[in-house]
Amino acid sequence: MQFILTIRDSCLTDPVAKLDKNALKWLCNPPCTPLMIESLGIHHSISIYLTLKHSLQSAYKAVCNLTQCNFASAPGVNDMLTFHSFESHIATYTGVKDVCHDMCHNSCIGFTGPYSNLEICFMCDTS
């Protein structure tokens, strides 16, 4: 019941949500025009990322490496993004950033909301 009440009373400015001022600004004032991505390499990186969204980071890296090897002289190939730079780069286009919360190693619960002050999972007793 405590979890349901916490959800009911939640708001974007809740410190447990860990949203910074820029993220709140983007959520309240999203872009109203289509995003223009000039670089073919960045456009291709986004396409690869979205295609492999449920794959490992190593798969993304392998496809990028193959592209750079097979199309070494193609326009924009040197602009392709690493997996980690992709996530930060896409935030500049969308304002969407990762929000990380600690989680039980066994995936029982996330230590957020009413569980944000816990240090041990109450379901499996894992620290």
N, C-alpha and C. Protein backbone atom coordinates (compact mmCIF):
# COMPACT_ATOMS: atom_id res chain seq x y z
N MET A 1 0.83 -1.19 0.00
CA MET A 1 0.00 0.00 0.00
C MET A 1 0.87 1.26 0.00
N GLN A 2 2.01 1.19 0.73
CA GLN A 2 2.91 2.34 0.77
C GLN A 2 3.43 2.67 -0.63
N PHE A 3 3.71 1.65 -1.41
CA PHE A 3 4.20 1.86 -2.77
C PHE A 3 3.13 2.54 -3.63
N ILE A 4 1.89 2.11 -3.51
CA ILE A 4 0.78 2.71 -4.26
C ILE A 4 0.59 4.17 -3.87
N LEU A 5 0.66 4.47 -2.59
CA LEU A 5 0.53 5.85 -2.13
C LEU A 5 1.68 6.71 -2.63
N THR A 6 2.89 6.14 -2.67
CA THR A 6 4.04 6.89 -3.16
C THR A 6 3.86 7.22 -4.64
N ILE A 7 3.40 6.27 -5.41
CA ILE A 7 3.15 6.52 -6.83
C ILE A 7 2.07 7.59 -7.01
N ARG A 8 1.01 7.49 -6.24
CA ARG A 8 -0.07 8.47 -6.33
C ARG A 8 0.41 9.87 -6.02
N ASP A 9 1.32 10.00 -5.07
CA ASP A 9 1.79 11.31 -4.65
C ASP A 9 3.07 11.77 -5.35
N SER A 10 3.53 11.00 -6.33
CA SER A 10 4.80 11.34 -6.99
C SER A 10 4.64 12.57 -7.88
N CYS A 11 5.76 13.22 -8.11
CA CYS A 11 5.79 14.38 -9.00
C CYS A 11 7.16 14.46 -9.65
N LEU A 12 7.28 15.25 -10.70
CA LEU A 12 8.53 15.34 -11.43
C LEU A 12 9.67 15.93 -10.61
N THR A 13 9.35 16.72 -9.61
CA THR A 13 10.39 17.36 -8.80
C THR A 13 10.80 16.53 -7.59
N ASP A 14 10.28 15.32 -7.47
CA ASP A 14 10.64 14.43 -6.37
C ASP A 14 12.13 14.14 -6.43
N PRO A 15 12.89 14.40 -5.35
CA PRO A 15 14.35 14.17 -5.38
C PRO A 15 14.73 12.72 -5.62
N VAL A 16 13.86 11.78 -5.28
CA VAL A 16 14.15 10.37 -5.51
C VAL A 16 14.17 10.08 -7.02
N ALA A 17 13.42 10.85 -7.80
CA ALA A 17 13.37 10.65 -9.25
C ALA A 17 14.69 11.00 -9.92
N LYS A 18 15.49 11.83 -9.29
CA LYS A 18 16.83 12.22 -9.77
C LYS A 18 16.79 12.93 -11.12
N LEU A 19 15.77 13.72 -11.38
CA LEU A 19 15.70 14.50 -12.62
C LEU A 19 16.34 15.86 -12.39
N ASP A 20 17.32 16.21 -13.22
CA ASP A 20 17.95 17.51 -13.07
C ASP A 20 17.11 18.60 -13.75
N LYS A 21 17.53 19.86 -13.60
CA LYS A 21 16.75 20.99 -14.13
C LYS A 21 16.56 20.90 -15.64
N ASN A 22 17.59 20.49 -16.36
CA ASN A 22 17.47 20.39 -17.82
C ASN A 22 16.49 19.31 -18.24
N ALA A 23 16.51 18.17 -17.55
CA ALA A 23 15.57 17.09 -17.87
C ALA A 23 14.13 17.55 -17.62
N LEU A 24 13.91 18.25 -16.52
CA LEU A 24 12.57 18.78 -16.23
C LEU A 24 12.13 19.77 -17.30
N LYS A 25 13.07 20.61 -17.74
CA LYS A 25 12.76 21.59 -18.79
C LYS A 25 12.32 20.88 -20.07
N TRP A 26 13.06 19.83 -20.47
CA TRP A 26 12.72 19.08 -21.69
C TRP A 26 11.37 18.38 -21.55
N LEU A 27 11.10 17.82 -20.37
CA LEU A 27 9.82 17.14 -20.17
C LEU A 27 8.64 18.10 -20.25
N CYS A 28 8.83 19.28 -19.70
CA CYS A 28 7.74 20.27 -19.69
C CYS A 28 7.63 21.05 -21.00
N ASN A 29 8.73 21.12 -21.75
CA ASN A 29 8.75 21.88 -23.01
C ASN A 29 9.46 21.06 -24.09
N PRO A 30 8.84 19.98 -24.55
CA PRO A 30 9.51 19.14 -25.55
C PRO A 30 9.64 19.88 -26.88
N PRO A 31 10.61 19.46 -27.72
CA PRO A 31 10.76 20.10 -29.03
C PRO A 31 9.48 19.96 -29.85
N CYS A 32 9.17 20.96 -30.62
CA CYS A 32 7.94 20.97 -31.43
C CYS A 32 8.23 20.81 -32.92
N THR A 33 9.49 20.67 -33.26
CA THR A 33 9.86 20.52 -34.66
C THR A 33 10.68 19.24 -34.81
N PRO A 34 10.70 18.67 -36.01
CA PRO A 34 11.52 17.46 -36.22
C PRO A 34 12.99 17.75 -35.99
N LEU A 35 13.70 16.77 -35.47
CA LEU A 35 15.13 16.92 -35.25
C LEU A 35 15.86 16.80 -36.57
N MET A 36 16.84 17.65 -36.79
CA MET A 36 17.63 17.60 -38.01
C MET A 36 19.02 17.06 -37.65
N ILE A 37 19.35 15.91 -38.20
CA ILE A 37 20.65 15.29 -37.96
C ILE A 37 21.40 15.35 -39.28
N GLU A 38 22.39 16.21 -39.34
CA GLU A 38 23.12 16.47 -40.58
C GLU A 38 24.13 15.37 -40.91
N SER A 39 24.80 14.82 -39.92
CA SER A 39 25.87 13.86 -40.16
C SER A 39 25.31 12.49 -40.51
N LEU A 40 25.74 11.94 -41.63
CA LEU A 40 25.33 10.59 -42.02
C LEU A 40 25.84 9.55 -41.02
N GLY A 41 27.03 9.78 -40.46
CA GLY A 41 27.58 8.85 -39.49
C GLY A 41 26.74 8.80 -38.22
N ILE A 42 26.33 9.96 -37.73
CA ILE A 42 25.48 9.99 -36.53
C ILE A 42 24.11 9.39 -36.85
N HIS A 43 23.56 9.72 -38.00
CA HIS A 43 22.27 9.14 -38.41
C HIS A 43 22.38 7.62 -38.46
N HIS A 44 23.47 7.10 -39.03
CA HIS A 44 23.68 5.65 -39.11
C HIS A 44 23.86 5.04 -37.72
N SER A 45 24.57 5.73 -36.84
CA SER A 45 24.75 5.25 -35.47
C SER A 45 23.40 5.11 -34.77
N ILE A 46 22.53 6.08 -34.96
CA ILE A 46 21.20 6.02 -34.35
C ILE A 46 20.40 4.85 -34.92
N SER A 47 20.49 4.65 -36.23
CA SER A 47 19.79 3.53 -36.86
C SER A 47 20.29 2.19 -36.31
N ILE A 48 21.60 2.05 -36.17
CA ILE A 48 22.16 0.81 -35.62
C ILE A 48 21.67 0.60 -34.19
N TYR A 49 21.74 1.64 -33.38
CA TYR A 49 21.33 1.55 -31.98
C TYR A 49 19.86 1.11 -31.88
N LEU A 50 18.99 1.73 -32.67
CA LEU A 50 17.57 1.39 -32.61
C LEU A 50 17.30 -0.02 -33.13
N THR A 51 18.06 -0.45 -34.12
CA THR A 51 17.91 -1.80 -34.66
C THR A 51 18.34 -2.84 -33.64
N LEU A 52 19.39 -2.54 -32.90
CA LEU A 52 19.95 -3.49 -31.94
C LEU A 52 19.53 -3.19 -30.50
N LYS A 53 18.40 -2.55 -30.31
CA LYS A 53 18.03 -2.05 -28.99
C LYS A 53 17.97 -3.11 -27.89
N HIS A 54 17.77 -4.36 -28.25
CA HIS A 54 17.73 -5.41 -27.23
C HIS A 54 18.97 -6.30 -27.29
N SER A 55 20.01 -5.81 -27.94
CA SER A 55 21.25 -6.57 -28.08
C SER A 55 22.31 -6.06 -27.12
N LEU A 56 23.43 -6.75 -27.12
CA LEU A 56 24.55 -6.35 -26.27
C LEU A 56 25.29 -5.16 -26.86
N GLN A 57 25.98 -4.44 -26.00
CA GLN A 57 26.81 -3.33 -26.45
C GLN A 57 27.86 -3.82 -27.43
N SER A 58 28.35 -5.04 -27.24
CA SER A 58 29.36 -5.59 -28.14
C SER A 58 28.81 -5.76 -29.55
N ALA A 59 27.51 -6.05 -29.70
CA ALA A 59 26.91 -6.17 -31.03
C ALA A 59 26.90 -4.80 -31.72
N TYR A 60 26.56 -3.76 -30.98
CA TYR A 60 26.58 -2.40 -31.53
C TYR A 60 27.99 -2.05 -32.00
N LYS A 61 28.97 -2.34 -31.15
CA LYS A 61 30.36 -2.03 -31.48
C LYS A 61 30.81 -2.81 -32.72
N ALA A 62 30.43 -4.08 -32.81
CA ALA A 62 30.83 -4.90 -33.95
C ALA A 62 30.24 -4.37 -35.26
N VAL A 63 28.96 -3.98 -35.24
CA VAL A 63 28.34 -3.44 -36.45
C VAL A 63 28.99 -2.12 -36.85
N CYS A 64 29.28 -1.28 -35.87
CA CYS A 64 29.96 -0.01 -36.17
C CYS A 64 31.34 -0.27 -36.77
N ASN A 65 32.08 -1.21 -36.19
CA ASN A 65 33.41 -1.54 -36.71
C ASN A 65 33.33 -2.07 -38.14
N LEU A 66 32.35 -2.94 -38.41
CA LEU A 66 32.17 -3.45 -39.78
C LEU A 66 31.85 -2.33 -40.75
N THR A 67 30.99 -1.43 -40.34
CA THR A 67 30.62 -0.31 -41.20
C THR A 67 31.84 0.55 -41.50
N GLN A 68 32.62 0.86 -40.48
CA GLN A 68 33.80 1.70 -40.67
C GLN A 68 34.85 0.99 -41.53
N CYS A 69 34.94 -0.32 -41.41
CA CYS A 69 35.90 -1.09 -42.22
C CYS A 69 35.43 -1.19 -43.68
N ASN A 70 34.17 -1.55 -43.87
CA ASN A 70 33.65 -1.77 -45.23
C ASN A 70 33.37 -0.49 -46.00
N PHE A 71 33.13 0.60 -45.29
CA PHE A 71 32.80 1.86 -45.95
C PHE A 71 33.73 2.97 -45.47
N ALA A 72 35.01 2.66 -45.42
CA ALA A 72 36.01 3.57 -44.84
C ALA A 72 36.02 4.95 -45.48
N SER A 73 35.71 5.04 -46.76
CA SER A 73 35.75 6.35 -47.42
C SER A 73 34.37 6.99 -47.56
N ALA A 74 33.35 6.39 -46.98
CA ALA A 74 31.99 6.93 -47.08
C ALA A 74 31.85 8.22 -46.27
N PRO A 75 31.04 9.15 -46.77
CA PRO A 75 30.81 10.39 -46.01
C PRO A 75 30.22 10.10 -44.63
N GLY A 76 30.78 10.71 -43.61
CA GLY A 76 30.25 10.60 -42.26
C GLY A 76 30.71 9.38 -41.48
N VAL A 77 31.44 8.47 -42.12
CA VAL A 77 31.82 7.24 -41.42
C VAL A 77 32.68 7.53 -40.20
N ASN A 78 33.45 8.59 -40.23
CA ASN A 78 34.28 8.95 -39.08
C ASN A 78 33.49 9.64 -37.97
N ASP A 79 32.23 9.97 -38.25
CA ASP A 79 31.37 10.59 -37.23
C ASP A 79 30.57 9.57 -36.43
N MET A 80 30.73 8.28 -36.75
CA MET A 80 29.95 7.27 -36.03
C MET A 80 30.29 7.31 -34.55
N LEU A 81 29.32 7.04 -33.74
CA LEU A 81 29.44 7.19 -32.30
C LEU A 81 29.71 5.86 -31.60
N THR A 82 30.52 5.89 -30.56
CA THR A 82 30.66 4.72 -29.70
C THR A 82 29.36 4.57 -28.92
N PHE A 83 29.16 3.41 -28.33
CA PHE A 83 27.93 3.18 -27.58
C PHE A 83 27.76 4.21 -26.47
N HIS A 84 28.82 4.44 -25.71
CA HIS A 84 28.72 5.38 -24.59
C HIS A 84 28.56 6.83 -25.06
N SER A 85 29.24 7.20 -26.13
CA SER A 85 29.07 8.57 -26.61
C SER A 85 27.70 8.73 -27.26
N PHE A 86 27.13 7.63 -27.79
CA PHE A 86 25.79 7.70 -28.37
C PHE A 86 24.78 8.15 -27.32
N GLU A 87 24.82 7.52 -26.16
CA GLU A 87 23.84 7.84 -25.12
C GLU A 87 23.92 9.30 -24.70
N SER A 88 25.12 9.83 -24.55
CA SER A 88 25.24 11.24 -24.16
C SER A 88 24.89 12.16 -25.34
N HIS A 89 25.24 11.73 -26.55
CA HIS A 89 24.94 12.54 -27.73
C HIS A 89 23.44 12.63 -27.99
N ILE A 90 22.75 11.53 -27.84
CA ILE A 90 21.30 11.52 -28.10
C ILE A 90 20.57 12.40 -27.09
N ALA A 91 21.15 12.54 -25.90
CA ALA A 91 20.55 13.43 -24.90
C ALA A 91 20.55 14.88 -25.37
N THR A 92 21.53 15.27 -26.20
CA THR A 92 21.55 16.63 -26.70
C THR A 92 20.42 16.87 -27.70
N TYR A 93 19.99 15.81 -28.40
CA TYR A 93 18.87 15.93 -29.34
C TYR A 93 17.52 15.87 -28.63
N THR A 94 17.42 15.02 -27.61
CA THR A 94 16.11 14.73 -27.03
C THR A 94 15.90 15.23 -25.61
N GLY A 95 16.99 15.46 -24.90
CA GLY A 95 16.87 15.82 -23.49
C GLY A 95 16.67 14.60 -22.61
N VAL A 96 16.62 13.41 -23.20
CA VAL A 96 16.42 12.18 -22.45
C VAL A 96 17.77 11.67 -21.95
N LYS A 97 17.86 11.48 -20.65
CA LYS A 97 19.07 10.98 -20.03
C LYS A 97 18.73 9.78 -19.17
N ASP A 98 19.73 8.95 -18.93
CA ASP A 98 19.52 7.82 -18.04
C ASP A 98 19.25 8.31 -16.63
N VAL A 99 18.32 7.66 -15.96
CA VAL A 99 18.10 7.86 -14.54
C VAL A 99 18.40 6.52 -13.90
N CYS A 100 19.44 6.47 -13.10
CA CYS A 100 19.88 5.21 -12.52
C CYS A 100 19.46 5.11 -11.06
N HIS A 101 18.97 3.95 -10.70
CA HIS A 101 18.64 3.63 -9.32
C HIS A 101 19.27 2.29 -8.99
N ASP A 102 19.72 2.14 -7.77
CA ASP A 102 20.25 0.85 -7.36
C ASP A 102 19.15 -0.19 -7.41
N MET A 103 19.56 -1.42 -7.66
CA MET A 103 18.59 -2.49 -7.80
C MET A 103 19.13 -3.74 -7.13
N CYS A 104 18.26 -4.60 -6.68
CA CYS A 104 18.64 -5.88 -6.11
C CYS A 104 19.40 -6.67 -7.18
N HIS A 105 20.48 -7.34 -6.78
CA HIS A 105 21.27 -8.13 -7.73
C HIS A 105 20.43 -9.23 -8.37
N ASN A 106 19.38 -9.66 -7.71
CA ASN A 106 18.50 -10.70 -8.24
C ASN A 106 17.29 -10.12 -8.96
N SER A 107 17.27 -8.80 -9.15
CA SER A 107 16.20 -8.09 -9.86
C SER A 107 14.85 -8.17 -9.16
N CYS A 108 14.86 -8.38 -7.86
CA CYS A 108 13.59 -8.43 -7.12
C CYS A 108 12.92 -7.06 -7.07
N ILE A 109 13.69 -6.04 -6.67
CA ILE A 109 13.14 -4.69 -6.50
C ILE A 109 14.16 -3.66 -6.94
N GLY A 110 13.68 -2.47 -7.24
CA GLY A 110 14.54 -1.30 -7.43
C GLY A 110 14.50 -0.49 -6.16
N PHE A 111 15.64 0.00 -5.73
CA PHE A 111 15.71 0.78 -4.50
C PHE A 111 15.36 2.23 -4.81
N THR A 112 14.10 2.46 -5.10
CA THR A 112 13.57 3.77 -5.43
C THR A 112 12.20 3.92 -4.77
N GLY A 113 11.65 5.12 -4.80
CA GLY A 113 10.35 5.34 -4.17
C GLY A 113 10.40 4.98 -2.70
N PRO A 114 9.44 4.20 -2.24
CA PRO A 114 9.42 3.86 -0.81
C PRO A 114 10.58 2.96 -0.40
N TYR A 115 11.28 2.39 -1.39
CA TYR A 115 12.41 1.51 -1.10
C TYR A 115 13.75 2.22 -1.22
N SER A 116 13.76 3.51 -1.43
CA SER A 116 15.00 4.25 -1.70
C SER A 116 15.98 4.25 -0.52
N ASN A 117 15.50 4.07 0.68
CA ASN A 117 16.39 4.08 1.85
C ASN A 117 16.84 2.69 2.27
N LEU A 118 16.35 1.66 1.60
CA LEU A 118 16.73 0.29 1.95
C LEU A 118 18.14 -0.02 1.45
N GLU A 119 18.83 -0.87 2.17
CA GLU A 119 20.15 -1.33 1.74
C GLU A 119 20.16 -2.83 1.49
N ILE A 120 19.09 -3.51 1.91
CA ILE A 120 18.97 -4.96 1.73
C ILE A 120 17.59 -5.24 1.13
N CYS A 121 17.56 -6.12 0.15
CA CYS A 121 16.29 -6.50 -0.47
C CYS A 121 15.45 -7.27 0.52
N PHE A 122 14.23 -6.81 0.72
CA PHE A 122 13.36 -7.47 1.69
C PHE A 122 12.78 -8.78 1.14
N MET A 123 12.96 -9.03 -0.16
CA MET A 123 12.43 -10.26 -0.74
C MET A 123 13.43 -11.42 -0.67
N CYS A 124 14.73 -11.10 -0.86
CA CYS A 124 15.72 -12.19 -0.90
C CYS A 124 16.90 -11.96 0.06
N ASP A 125 16.86 -10.89 0.83
CA ASP A 125 17.90 -10.56 1.81
C ASP A 125 19.28 -10.31 1.20
N THR A 126 19.32 -9.90 -0.06
CA THR A 126 20.59 -9.58 -0.71
C THR A 126 20.91 -8.11 -0.50
N SER A 127 22.18 -7.83 -0.21
CA SER A 127 22.61 -6.44 0.01
C SER A 127 22.67 -5.71 -1.32
